């Protein structure tokens, strides 16, 4: 690669473990066929810190991972958090036969774009992640059960009215907008001492 780009003054080759790489402070984009064995760590590196300069990306990854990151039903707190600041779209499937040698699984192209209007303020990204971790302990639980311990019964009634969902609304079926509404309702009506705390190390 260095030989191929030797005459390009605007290209810098960095040979380093990607998960140990310090990301640029200025705005940047990522276009990559990422290693399938460390797909989630790379996605977390790019998306877990929404105040970073990452703006958008086009990534080729294992199809199963791409489906999980874009599924309507969310079961991972970090995926719920990513969606507050980024639009993550499944673009297309790339059959294994397109590679030489072919891998054991099909691949997919994933598009990531920073939202023009985030659903949660950047300054609250840690608090939102704590809320998502608390709520997603039981993805199939009803909202009433999932938020008990944070919201009081009257606050739960108010929350469900704000969510505008069905009477049997489940955690895993919450939309991006409903996650944003839940967080906004918590910050506005629930005293800080009842907010979810981070996991003890």
N, C-alpha and C. Protein backbone atom coordinates (compact mmCIF):
# COMPACT_ATOMS: atom_id res chain seq x y z
N UNK A 1 0.82 -1.20 0.00
CA UNK A 1 0.00 0.00 0.00
C UNK A 1 0.86 1.26 0.00
N UNK A 2 1.96 1.24 0.77
CA UNK A 2 2.83 2.41 0.81
C UNK A 2 3.42 2.70 -0.56
N UNK A 3 3.77 1.63 -1.31
CA UNK A 3 4.31 1.83 -2.65
C UNK A 3 3.27 2.41 -3.59
N UNK A 4 2.01 1.94 -3.46
CA UNK A 4 0.94 2.41 -4.33
C UNK A 4 0.60 3.88 -4.08
N UNK A 5 0.80 4.35 -2.86
CA UNK A 5 0.42 5.72 -2.52
C UNK A 5 1.63 6.64 -2.34
N UNK A 6 2.81 6.16 -2.74
CA UNK A 6 4.04 6.93 -2.52
C UNK A 6 4.01 8.30 -3.18
N UNK A 7 3.29 8.42 -4.29
CA UNK A 7 3.26 9.69 -5.04
C UNK A 7 2.06 10.57 -4.65
N UNK A 8 1.28 10.12 -3.66
CA UNK A 8 0.12 10.90 -3.19
C UNK A 8 0.47 11.61 -1.89
N UNK A 9 0.69 12.91 -1.97
CA UNK A 9 1.08 13.66 -0.79
C UNK A 9 0.00 13.79 0.26
N UNK A 10 -1.24 13.52 -0.12
CA UNK A 10 -2.35 13.68 0.84
C UNK A 10 -2.76 12.35 1.48
N UNK A 11 -1.92 11.31 1.35
CA UNK A 11 -2.22 10.00 1.92
C UNK A 11 -1.18 9.65 2.97
N UNK A 12 -1.66 9.26 4.16
CA UNK A 12 -0.77 8.81 5.22
C UNK A 12 -1.15 7.39 5.62
N UNK A 13 -0.18 6.49 5.57
CA UNK A 13 -0.42 5.10 5.93
C UNK A 13 -0.02 4.89 7.39
N UNK A 14 -0.95 4.40 8.19
CA UNK A 14 -0.69 4.12 9.60
C UNK A 14 -0.86 2.62 9.81
N UNK A 15 0.19 1.95 10.17
CA UNK A 15 0.13 0.51 10.43
C UNK A 15 0.05 0.29 11.93
N UNK A 16 -1.17 -0.02 12.41
CA UNK A 16 -1.39 -0.11 13.85
C UNK A 16 -2.66 -0.90 14.13
N UNK A 17 -2.75 -1.47 15.30
CA UNK A 17 -3.96 -2.16 15.75
C UNK A 17 -5.09 -1.13 15.81
N UNK A 18 -6.17 -1.35 15.06
CA UNK A 18 -7.23 -0.36 14.92
C UNK A 18 -7.88 -0.02 16.26
N UNK A 19 -8.02 -0.99 17.15
CA UNK A 19 -8.69 -0.71 18.43
C UNK A 19 -7.80 0.09 19.38
N UNK A 20 -6.51 0.23 19.03
CA UNK A 20 -5.60 1.03 19.85
C UNK A 20 -5.32 2.39 19.19
N UNK A 21 -5.90 2.61 18.04
CA UNK A 21 -5.66 3.85 17.30
C UNK A 21 -6.39 5.01 17.95
N UNK A 22 -5.73 6.13 18.10
CA UNK A 22 -6.36 7.33 18.63
C UNK A 22 -7.05 8.06 17.49
N UNK A 23 -8.35 8.24 17.60
CA UNK A 23 -9.12 8.84 16.52
C UNK A 23 -8.80 10.33 16.38
N UNK A 24 -8.95 10.86 15.17
CA UNK A 24 -8.67 12.29 14.95
C UNK A 24 -9.60 13.18 15.78
N UNK A 25 -9.10 14.32 16.19
CA UNK A 25 -9.92 15.26 16.95
C UNK A 25 -10.82 16.06 16.01
N UNK A 26 -10.38 16.26 14.77
CA UNK A 26 -11.20 16.97 13.80
C UNK A 26 -12.23 16.02 13.20
N UNK A 27 -13.18 16.57 12.46
CA UNK A 27 -14.21 15.74 11.83
C UNK A 27 -13.59 14.75 10.85
N UNK A 28 -14.12 13.54 10.82
CA UNK A 28 -13.58 12.52 9.92
C UNK A 28 -14.67 11.54 9.52
N UNK A 29 -14.40 10.82 8.42
CA UNK A 29 -15.30 9.77 7.95
C UNK A 29 -14.50 8.47 7.87
N UNK A 30 -15.22 7.35 7.84
CA UNK A 30 -14.57 6.04 7.79
C UNK A 30 -15.19 5.23 6.65
N UNK A 31 -14.33 4.69 5.79
CA UNK A 31 -14.74 3.76 4.74
C UNK A 31 -13.86 2.54 4.88
N UNK A 32 -14.45 1.39 5.20
CA UNK A 32 -13.61 0.25 5.53
C UNK A 32 -14.33 -1.08 5.41
N UNK A 33 -13.56 -2.11 5.09
CA UNK A 33 -14.00 -3.49 5.23
C UNK A 33 -13.37 -3.96 6.53
N UNK A 34 -14.10 -3.91 7.63
CA UNK A 34 -13.52 -4.12 8.95
C UNK A 34 -13.35 -5.60 9.26
N UNK A 35 -12.39 -5.96 10.12
CA UNK A 35 -12.21 -7.36 10.52
C UNK A 35 -13.45 -7.88 11.23
N UNK A 36 -13.99 -8.97 10.78
CA UNK A 36 -15.25 -9.48 11.32
C UNK A 36 -15.13 -9.89 12.77
N UNK A 37 -13.95 -10.34 13.20
CA UNK A 37 -13.79 -10.84 14.56
C UNK A 37 -13.83 -9.73 15.61
N UNK A 38 -13.63 -8.48 15.19
CA UNK A 38 -13.66 -7.36 16.14
C UNK A 38 -14.64 -6.28 15.67
N UNK A 39 -15.71 -6.71 15.05
CA UNK A 39 -16.70 -5.77 14.53
C UNK A 39 -17.30 -4.90 15.63
N UNK A 40 -17.78 -5.52 16.71
CA UNK A 40 -18.41 -4.75 17.78
C UNK A 40 -17.43 -3.80 18.46
N UNK A 41 -16.20 -4.21 18.79
CA UNK A 41 -15.25 -3.25 19.37
C UNK A 41 -14.98 -2.05 18.47
N UNK A 42 -14.92 -2.26 17.16
CA UNK A 42 -14.69 -1.14 16.25
C UNK A 42 -15.90 -0.21 16.22
N UNK A 43 -17.10 -0.79 16.19
CA UNK A 43 -18.30 0.03 16.21
C UNK A 43 -18.39 0.84 17.51
N UNK A 44 -18.04 0.22 18.62
CA UNK A 44 -18.05 0.94 19.89
C UNK A 44 -17.03 2.06 19.90
N UNK A 45 -15.87 1.81 19.31
CA UNK A 45 -14.83 2.83 19.24
C UNK A 45 -15.32 4.06 18.48
N UNK A 46 -16.09 3.82 17.41
CA UNK A 46 -16.57 4.91 16.57
C UNK A 46 -17.80 5.61 17.15
N UNK A 47 -18.68 4.85 17.83
CA UNK A 47 -20.00 5.38 18.18
C UNK A 47 -20.27 5.57 19.66
N UNK A 48 -19.46 4.99 20.54
CA UNK A 48 -19.73 5.12 21.97
C UNK A 48 -19.45 6.51 22.53
N UNK A 49 -18.73 7.32 21.77
CA UNK A 49 -18.38 8.67 22.22
C UNK A 49 -18.90 9.68 21.18
N UNK A 50 -20.19 9.98 21.25
CA UNK A 50 -20.82 10.80 20.20
C UNK A 50 -20.29 12.22 20.09
N UNK A 51 -19.53 12.69 21.07
CA UNK A 51 -18.96 14.04 20.97
C UNK A 51 -17.67 14.04 20.15
N UNK A 52 -17.25 12.88 19.65
CA UNK A 52 -16.04 12.80 18.83
C UNK A 52 -16.28 13.43 17.46
N UNK A 53 -15.24 13.43 16.63
CA UNK A 53 -15.35 14.04 15.30
C UNK A 53 -15.92 13.11 14.24
N UNK A 54 -16.30 11.89 14.61
CA UNK A 54 -16.84 10.95 13.62
C UNK A 54 -18.15 11.48 13.05
N UNK A 55 -18.22 11.60 11.72
CA UNK A 55 -19.38 12.16 11.06
C UNK A 55 -20.20 11.12 10.30
N UNK A 56 -19.53 10.27 9.58
CA UNK A 56 -20.27 9.24 8.83
C UNK A 56 -19.30 8.12 8.43
N UNK A 57 -19.89 6.99 8.05
CA UNK A 57 -19.07 5.86 7.66
C UNK A 57 -19.81 4.92 6.73
N UNK A 58 -19.05 4.20 5.92
CA UNK A 58 -19.58 3.12 5.09
C UNK A 58 -18.71 1.92 5.38
N UNK A 59 -19.30 0.91 6.01
CA UNK A 59 -18.53 -0.23 6.49
C UNK A 59 -19.06 -1.53 5.89
N UNK A 60 -18.14 -2.39 5.52
CA UNK A 60 -18.48 -3.76 5.12
C UNK A 60 -18.20 -4.65 6.32
N UNK A 61 -19.20 -5.41 6.72
CA UNK A 61 -19.06 -6.27 7.90
C UNK A 61 -19.86 -7.55 7.72
N UNK A 62 -19.74 -8.44 8.68
CA UNK A 62 -20.49 -9.69 8.63
C UNK A 62 -21.98 -9.39 8.67
N UNK A 63 -22.75 -10.09 7.84
CA UNK A 63 -24.17 -9.79 7.67
C UNK A 63 -24.95 -9.88 8.98
N UNK A 64 -24.65 -10.89 9.78
CA UNK A 64 -25.37 -11.05 11.04
C UNK A 64 -25.21 -9.85 11.96
N UNK A 65 -23.99 -9.31 12.02
CA UNK A 65 -23.74 -8.13 12.85
C UNK A 65 -24.50 -6.92 12.31
N UNK A 66 -24.48 -6.75 10.99
CA UNK A 66 -25.19 -5.63 10.38
C UNK A 66 -26.68 -5.71 10.65
N UNK A 67 -27.24 -6.91 10.60
CA UNK A 67 -28.66 -7.10 10.91
C UNK A 67 -28.96 -6.75 12.37
N UNK A 68 -28.07 -7.14 13.26
CA UNK A 68 -28.28 -6.88 14.69
C UNK A 68 -28.22 -5.38 14.98
N UNK A 69 -27.29 -4.68 14.35
CA UNK A 69 -27.14 -3.25 14.60
C UNK A 69 -28.31 -2.43 14.04
N UNK A 70 -29.03 -3.00 13.08
CA UNK A 70 -30.11 -2.24 12.43
C UNK A 70 -31.49 -2.84 12.68
N UNK A 71 -31.57 -3.88 13.51
CA UNK A 71 -32.85 -4.54 13.77
C UNK A 71 -33.83 -3.58 14.44
N UNK A 72 -35.10 -3.78 14.15
CA UNK A 72 -36.14 -2.94 14.77
C UNK A 72 -36.19 -3.18 16.27
N UNK A 73 -36.06 -4.45 16.69
CA UNK A 73 -36.05 -4.79 18.11
C UNK A 73 -34.63 -4.63 18.64
N UNK A 74 -34.45 -3.76 19.62
CA UNK A 74 -33.13 -3.50 20.20
C UNK A 74 -32.96 -4.27 21.50
N UNK A 75 -31.86 -4.99 21.62
CA UNK A 75 -31.61 -5.78 22.82
C UNK A 75 -30.31 -5.38 23.53
N UNK A 76 -29.50 -4.54 22.89
CA UNK A 76 -28.23 -4.11 23.47
C UNK A 76 -28.28 -2.62 23.77
N UNK A 77 -27.85 -2.25 24.99
CA UNK A 77 -27.90 -0.85 25.41
C UNK A 77 -27.06 0.04 24.52
N UNK A 78 -25.90 -0.46 24.10
CA UNK A 78 -25.04 0.39 23.28
C UNK A 78 -25.65 0.67 21.91
N UNK A 79 -26.41 -0.28 21.38
CA UNK A 79 -27.08 -0.04 20.09
C UNK A 79 -28.17 1.01 20.25
N UNK A 80 -28.93 0.93 21.33
CA UNK A 80 -29.95 1.95 21.61
C UNK A 80 -29.30 3.32 21.73
N UNK A 81 -28.15 3.37 22.39
CA UNK A 81 -27.45 4.65 22.57
C UNK A 81 -26.95 5.19 21.24
N UNK A 82 -26.37 4.32 20.40
CA UNK A 82 -25.87 4.79 19.09
C UNK A 82 -26.97 5.49 18.31
N UNK A 83 -28.17 4.96 18.39
CA UNK A 83 -29.27 5.48 17.58
C UNK A 83 -29.77 6.85 18.04
N UNK A 84 -29.36 7.30 19.18
CA UNK A 84 -29.74 8.65 19.62
C UNK A 84 -28.95 9.71 18.88
N UNK A 85 -27.79 9.34 18.34
CA UNK A 85 -26.93 10.33 17.69
C UNK A 85 -26.60 9.99 16.24
N UNK A 86 -26.86 8.74 15.83
CA UNK A 86 -26.49 8.33 14.48
C UNK A 86 -27.61 7.55 13.80
N UNK A 87 -27.75 7.75 12.50
CA UNK A 87 -28.64 6.92 11.69
C UNK A 87 -27.81 5.76 11.15
N UNK A 88 -28.22 4.54 11.44
CA UNK A 88 -27.49 3.34 11.04
C UNK A 88 -28.37 2.56 10.08
N UNK A 89 -27.94 2.42 8.84
CA UNK A 89 -28.79 1.83 7.80
C UNK A 89 -28.12 0.63 7.14
N UNK A 90 -28.90 -0.42 6.96
CA UNK A 90 -28.46 -1.60 6.22
C UNK A 90 -28.64 -1.29 4.74
N UNK A 91 -27.53 -1.22 4.01
CA UNK A 91 -27.59 -0.80 2.60
C UNK A 91 -27.88 -1.98 1.69
N UNK A 92 -27.04 -3.01 1.76
CA UNK A 92 -27.24 -4.18 0.90
C UNK A 92 -26.40 -5.35 1.37
N UNK A 93 -26.82 -6.53 0.96
CA UNK A 93 -26.07 -7.75 1.26
C UNK A 93 -24.97 -7.94 0.22
N UNK A 94 -23.82 -8.41 0.68
CA UNK A 94 -22.71 -8.73 -0.22
C UNK A 94 -22.44 -10.24 -0.08
N UNK A 95 -22.84 -11.04 -1.08
CA UNK A 95 -22.67 -12.49 -0.99
C UNK A 95 -21.21 -12.88 -0.80
N UNK A 96 -20.98 -13.98 -0.12
CA UNK A 96 -19.60 -14.42 0.14
C UNK A 96 -18.83 -14.69 -1.14
N UNK A 97 -19.55 -15.00 -2.23
CA UNK A 97 -18.89 -15.30 -3.50
C UNK A 97 -18.21 -14.07 -4.11
N UNK A 98 -18.50 -12.90 -3.56
CA UNK A 98 -17.89 -11.67 -4.09
C UNK A 98 -16.45 -11.50 -3.63
N UNK A 99 -16.02 -12.35 -2.68
CA UNK A 99 -14.67 -12.25 -2.14
C UNK A 99 -13.82 -13.42 -2.61
N UNK A 100 -12.52 -13.20 -2.68
CA UNK A 100 -11.60 -14.28 -3.04
C UNK A 100 -10.40 -14.23 -2.07
N UNK A 101 -10.24 -15.26 -1.27
CA UNK A 101 -11.13 -16.42 -1.12
C UNK A 101 -12.41 -16.03 -0.38
N UNK A 102 -13.51 -16.75 -0.62
CA UNK A 102 -14.78 -16.39 0.03
C UNK A 102 -14.77 -16.72 1.51
N UNK A 103 -15.31 -15.84 2.34
CA UNK A 103 -15.43 -16.13 3.78
C UNK A 103 -16.54 -17.16 4.01
N UNK A 104 -16.72 -17.54 5.26
CA UNK A 104 -17.73 -18.54 5.59
C UNK A 104 -19.13 -17.95 5.67
N UNK A 105 -19.22 -16.62 5.75
CA UNK A 105 -20.52 -15.97 5.92
C UNK A 105 -20.69 -14.87 4.88
N UNK A 106 -21.95 -14.49 4.66
CA UNK A 106 -22.23 -13.35 3.80
C UNK A 106 -21.89 -12.06 4.53
N UNK A 107 -21.67 -11.01 3.75
CA UNK A 107 -21.34 -9.71 4.32
C UNK A 107 -22.46 -8.72 4.01
N UNK A 108 -22.31 -7.51 4.50
CA UNK A 108 -23.29 -6.46 4.24
C UNK A 108 -22.61 -5.11 4.30
N UNK A 109 -23.20 -4.15 3.61
CA UNK A 109 -22.72 -2.77 3.65
C UNK A 109 -23.61 -2.00 4.62
N UNK A 110 -22.98 -1.33 5.58
CA UNK A 110 -23.69 -0.55 6.58
C UNK A 110 -23.32 0.92 6.42
N UNK A 111 -24.33 1.76 6.43
CA UNK A 111 -24.11 3.21 6.32
C UNK A 111 -24.42 3.86 7.66
N UNK A 112 -23.51 4.72 8.11
CA UNK A 112 -23.69 5.43 9.38
C UNK A 112 -23.57 6.93 9.13
N UNK A 113 -24.56 7.68 9.58
CA UNK A 113 -24.56 9.14 9.39
C UNK A 113 -24.96 9.82 10.70
N UNK A 114 -24.21 10.83 11.08
CA UNK A 114 -24.55 11.57 12.29
C UNK A 114 -25.88 12.31 12.09
N UNK A 115 -26.76 12.23 13.07
CA UNK A 115 -28.05 12.90 12.97
C UNK A 115 -27.85 14.42 13.01
N UNK A 116 -28.60 15.13 12.18
CA UNK A 116 -28.56 16.59 12.22
C UNK A 116 -29.11 17.10 13.54
N UNK A 117 -30.13 16.42 14.07
CA UNK A 117 -30.71 16.77 15.36
C UNK A 117 -30.71 15.53 16.25
N UNK A 118 -29.75 15.41 17.16
CA UNK A 118 -29.70 14.23 18.03
C UNK A 118 -30.94 14.15 18.92
N UNK A 119 -31.30 12.94 19.27
CA UNK A 119 -32.48 12.73 20.10
C UNK A 119 -32.19 12.94 21.59
N UNK A 120 -30.92 12.91 21.94
CA UNK A 120 -30.49 13.15 23.31
C UNK A 120 -29.28 14.08 23.25
N UNK A 121 -29.20 15.11 24.10
CA UNK A 121 -28.05 16.01 24.07
C UNK A 121 -26.73 15.25 24.29
N UNK A 122 -25.69 15.66 23.59
CA UNK A 122 -24.40 14.99 23.68
C UNK A 122 -23.89 14.90 25.12
N UNK A 123 -24.15 15.94 25.90
CA UNK A 123 -23.64 15.97 27.28
C UNK A 123 -24.24 14.87 28.15
N UNK A 124 -25.34 14.28 27.70
CA UNK A 124 -26.02 13.25 28.50
C UNK A 124 -25.76 11.84 28.00
N UNK A 125 -24.73 11.63 27.18
CA UNK A 125 -24.56 10.31 26.58
C UNK A 125 -24.28 9.22 27.61
N UNK A 126 -23.55 9.53 28.69
CA UNK A 126 -23.28 8.53 29.72
C UNK A 126 -24.56 8.20 30.49
N UNK A 127 -25.33 9.22 30.84
CA UNK A 127 -26.58 9.00 31.56
C UNK A 127 -27.57 8.21 30.71
N UNK A 128 -27.65 8.52 29.42
CA UNK A 128 -28.57 7.76 28.57
C UNK A 128 -28.16 6.29 28.53
N UNK A 129 -26.86 6.03 28.41
CA UNK A 129 -26.41 4.65 28.35
C UNK A 129 -26.78 3.90 29.62
N UNK A 130 -26.70 4.58 30.77
CA UNK A 130 -27.10 3.95 32.03
C UNK A 130 -28.58 3.61 32.03
N UNK A 131 -29.38 4.52 31.49
CA UNK A 131 -30.82 4.27 31.40
C UNK A 131 -31.09 3.07 30.50
N UNK A 132 -30.43 3.05 29.33
CA UNK A 132 -30.64 1.95 28.39
C UNK A 132 -30.22 0.62 29.00
N UNK A 133 -29.10 0.59 29.73
CA UNK A 133 -28.66 -0.65 30.39
C UNK A 133 -29.70 -1.13 31.40
N UNK A 134 -30.25 -0.18 32.15
CA UNK A 134 -31.25 -0.53 33.16
C UNK A 134 -32.52 -1.08 32.51
N UNK A 135 -32.99 -0.39 31.48
CA UNK A 135 -34.25 -0.78 30.83
C UNK A 135 -34.11 -2.09 30.07
N UNK A 136 -32.93 -2.33 29.47
CA UNK A 136 -32.74 -3.50 28.62
C UNK A 136 -32.25 -4.74 29.37
N UNK A 137 -32.32 -4.71 30.69
CA UNK A 137 -32.00 -5.93 31.44
C UNK A 137 -32.96 -7.05 31.05
N UNK A 138 -34.19 -6.66 30.71
CA UNK A 138 -35.20 -7.63 30.26
C UNK A 138 -35.89 -7.04 29.03
N UNK A 139 -35.32 -7.24 27.83
CA UNK A 139 -35.85 -6.62 26.61
C UNK A 139 -37.32 -6.91 26.33
N UNK A 140 -37.82 -8.07 26.77
CA UNK A 140 -39.20 -8.43 26.48
C UNK A 140 -40.18 -7.97 27.56
N UNK A 141 -39.66 -7.28 28.57
CA UNK A 141 -40.51 -6.82 29.66
C UNK A 141 -41.42 -5.68 29.22
N UNK A 142 -42.56 -5.56 29.89
CA UNK A 142 -43.46 -4.43 29.64
C UNK A 142 -42.80 -3.17 30.21
N UNK A 143 -43.12 -2.04 29.61
CA UNK A 143 -42.53 -0.78 30.05
C UNK A 143 -42.78 -0.53 31.53
N UNK A 144 -43.98 -0.83 32.01
CA UNK A 144 -44.31 -0.62 33.42
C UNK A 144 -43.30 -1.31 34.34
N UNK A 145 -42.95 -2.55 34.01
CA UNK A 145 -42.02 -3.32 34.84
C UNK A 145 -40.59 -2.83 34.67
N UNK A 146 -40.21 -2.47 33.44
CA UNK A 146 -38.83 -2.10 33.14
C UNK A 146 -38.40 -0.80 33.82
N UNK A 147 -39.32 0.15 33.92
CA UNK A 147 -38.95 1.47 34.47
C UNK A 147 -39.25 1.60 35.96
N UNK A 148 -39.87 0.57 36.55
CA UNK A 148 -40.16 0.61 37.98
C UNK A 148 -38.84 0.67 38.75
N UNK A 149 -38.76 1.54 39.72
CA UNK A 149 -37.52 1.76 40.43
C UNK A 149 -36.87 3.07 40.03
N UNK A 150 -37.21 3.54 38.84
CA UNK A 150 -36.77 4.87 38.38
C UNK A 150 -37.96 5.82 38.44
N UNK A 151 -39.04 5.45 37.74
CA UNK A 151 -40.26 6.25 37.71
C UNK A 151 -41.23 5.78 38.80
N UNK A 152 -41.93 6.68 39.43
CA UNK A 152 -42.99 6.34 40.37
C UNK A 152 -44.22 5.95 39.56
N UNK A 153 -45.22 5.29 40.17
CA UNK A 153 -46.44 4.93 39.43
C UNK A 153 -47.09 6.10 38.69
N UNK A 154 -47.26 7.27 39.31
CA UNK A 154 -47.84 8.39 38.55
C UNK A 154 -46.95 8.82 37.39
N UNK A 155 -45.62 8.77 37.60
CA UNK A 155 -44.69 9.13 36.52
C UNK A 155 -44.74 8.12 35.39
N UNK A 156 -44.94 6.85 35.73
CA UNK A 156 -45.06 5.81 34.69
C UNK A 156 -46.29 6.08 33.83
N UNK A 157 -47.40 6.45 34.47
CA UNK A 157 -48.62 6.79 33.72
C UNK A 157 -48.36 7.95 32.78
N UNK A 158 -47.66 8.97 33.28
CA UNK A 158 -47.32 10.13 32.46
C UNK A 158 -46.38 9.73 31.32
N UNK A 159 -45.39 8.87 31.63
CA UNK A 159 -44.45 8.41 30.61
C UNK A 159 -45.16 7.67 29.50
N UNK A 160 -46.04 6.74 29.85
CA UNK A 160 -46.72 5.95 28.83
C UNK A 160 -47.60 6.83 27.95
N UNK A 161 -48.16 7.88 28.53
CA UNK A 161 -48.95 8.82 27.73
C UNK A 161 -48.04 9.55 26.73
N UNK A 162 -46.83 9.91 27.18
CA UNK A 162 -45.88 10.59 26.30
C UNK A 162 -45.37 9.67 25.19
N UNK A 163 -45.22 8.38 25.52
CA UNK A 163 -44.70 7.44 24.53
C UNK A 163 -45.69 7.14 23.42
N UNK A 164 -46.97 7.31 23.72
CA UNK A 164 -48.03 7.11 22.72
C UNK A 164 -47.96 5.72 22.09
N UNK A 165 -47.68 4.73 22.94
CA UNK A 165 -47.61 3.36 22.44
C UNK A 165 -48.85 2.58 22.82
N UNK A 166 -48.85 1.29 22.53
CA UNK A 166 -49.97 0.43 22.88
C UNK A 166 -49.92 0.13 24.38
N UNK A 167 -51.01 -0.38 24.91
CA UNK A 167 -51.10 -0.66 26.34
C UNK A 167 -50.08 -1.70 26.78
N UNK A 168 -49.71 -2.63 25.87
CA UNK A 168 -48.76 -3.69 26.22
C UNK A 168 -47.37 -3.42 25.61
N UNK A 169 -47.00 -2.16 25.53
CA UNK A 169 -45.72 -1.77 24.93
C UNK A 169 -44.56 -2.47 25.63
N UNK A 170 -43.68 -3.10 24.83
CA UNK A 170 -42.53 -3.83 25.36
C UNK A 170 -41.24 -3.04 25.12
N UNK A 171 -40.26 -3.29 25.95
CA UNK A 171 -38.99 -2.56 25.84
C UNK A 171 -38.37 -2.72 24.46
N UNK A 172 -38.30 -3.96 23.95
CA UNK A 172 -37.60 -4.20 22.70
C UNK A 172 -38.29 -3.56 21.49
N UNK A 173 -39.54 -3.14 21.67
CA UNK A 173 -40.26 -2.54 20.54
C UNK A 173 -40.22 -1.01 20.56
N UNK A 174 -39.50 -0.43 21.51
CA UNK A 174 -39.39 1.03 21.56
C UNK A 174 -38.69 1.56 20.31
N UNK A 175 -39.23 2.61 19.74
CA UNK A 175 -38.59 3.25 18.59
C UNK A 175 -37.51 4.21 19.07
N UNK A 176 -36.70 4.70 18.16
CA UNK A 176 -35.68 5.69 18.52
C UNK A 176 -36.32 6.89 19.20
N UNK A 177 -37.41 7.36 18.62
CA UNK A 177 -38.09 8.54 19.16
C UNK A 177 -38.62 8.27 20.56
N UNK A 178 -39.14 7.06 20.80
CA UNK A 178 -39.66 6.73 22.13
C UNK A 178 -38.54 6.65 23.17
N UNK A 179 -37.38 6.15 22.76
CA UNK A 179 -36.23 6.16 23.67
C UNK A 179 -35.89 7.60 24.05
N UNK A 180 -35.89 8.49 23.06
CA UNK A 180 -35.61 9.90 23.33
C UNK A 180 -36.63 10.52 24.27
N UNK A 181 -37.91 10.18 24.05
CA UNK A 181 -38.99 10.71 24.90
C UNK A 181 -38.84 10.18 26.33
N UNK A 182 -38.49 8.90 26.47
CA UNK A 182 -38.31 8.33 27.80
C UNK A 182 -37.20 9.06 28.56
N UNK A 183 -36.09 9.29 27.88
CA UNK A 183 -34.98 9.98 28.54
C UNK A 183 -35.38 11.41 28.91
N UNK A 184 -36.01 12.11 28.00
CA UNK A 184 -36.43 13.49 28.26
C UNK A 184 -37.40 13.54 29.44
N UNK A 185 -38.31 12.58 29.51
CA UNK A 185 -39.28 12.53 30.60
C UNK A 185 -38.58 12.28 31.93
N UNK A 186 -37.60 11.38 31.92
CA UNK A 186 -36.87 11.08 33.14
C UNK A 186 -36.14 12.32 33.65
N UNK A 187 -35.41 12.99 32.77
CA UNK A 187 -34.63 14.16 33.18
C UNK A 187 -35.54 15.28 33.70
N UNK A 188 -36.72 15.38 33.10
CA UNK A 188 -37.63 16.48 33.44
C UNK A 188 -38.41 16.22 34.72
N UNK A 189 -38.81 14.98 34.96
CA UNK A 189 -39.74 14.71 36.06
C UNK A 189 -39.18 13.84 37.19
N UNK A 190 -38.12 13.10 36.93
CA UNK A 190 -37.59 12.20 37.95
C UNK A 190 -36.40 12.87 38.65
N UNK A 191 -36.41 12.92 39.98
CA UNK A 191 -35.28 13.54 40.70
C UNK A 191 -34.00 12.74 40.46
N UNK A 192 -32.84 13.40 40.39
CA UNK A 192 -31.57 12.74 40.06
C UNK A 192 -31.22 11.53 40.93
N UNK A 193 -31.64 11.54 42.19
CA UNK A 193 -31.26 10.42 43.05
C UNK A 193 -31.91 9.11 42.61
N UNK A 194 -32.94 9.19 41.77
CA UNK A 194 -33.59 7.99 41.26
C UNK A 194 -33.09 7.58 39.88
N UNK A 195 -32.23 8.39 39.28
CA UNK A 195 -31.69 8.04 37.97
C UNK A 195 -30.82 6.79 38.08
N UNK A 196 -30.75 5.97 37.03
CA UNK A 196 -29.93 4.75 37.09
C UNK A 196 -28.46 5.08 37.26
N UNK A 197 -27.79 4.29 38.09
CA UNK A 197 -26.36 4.47 38.34
C UNK A 197 -25.56 3.53 37.43
N UNK A 198 -24.31 3.86 37.24
CA UNK A 198 -23.44 3.02 36.42
C UNK A 198 -23.13 1.71 37.13
N UNK A 199 -22.71 0.71 36.35
CA UNK A 199 -22.36 -0.57 36.94
C UNK A 199 -21.09 -0.44 37.77
N UNK A 200 -21.08 -1.13 38.90
CA UNK A 200 -19.89 -1.12 39.75
C UNK A 200 -18.82 -1.98 39.11
N UNK A 201 -17.58 -1.44 39.08
CA UNK A 201 -16.48 -2.19 38.48
C UNK A 201 -15.87 -3.15 39.51
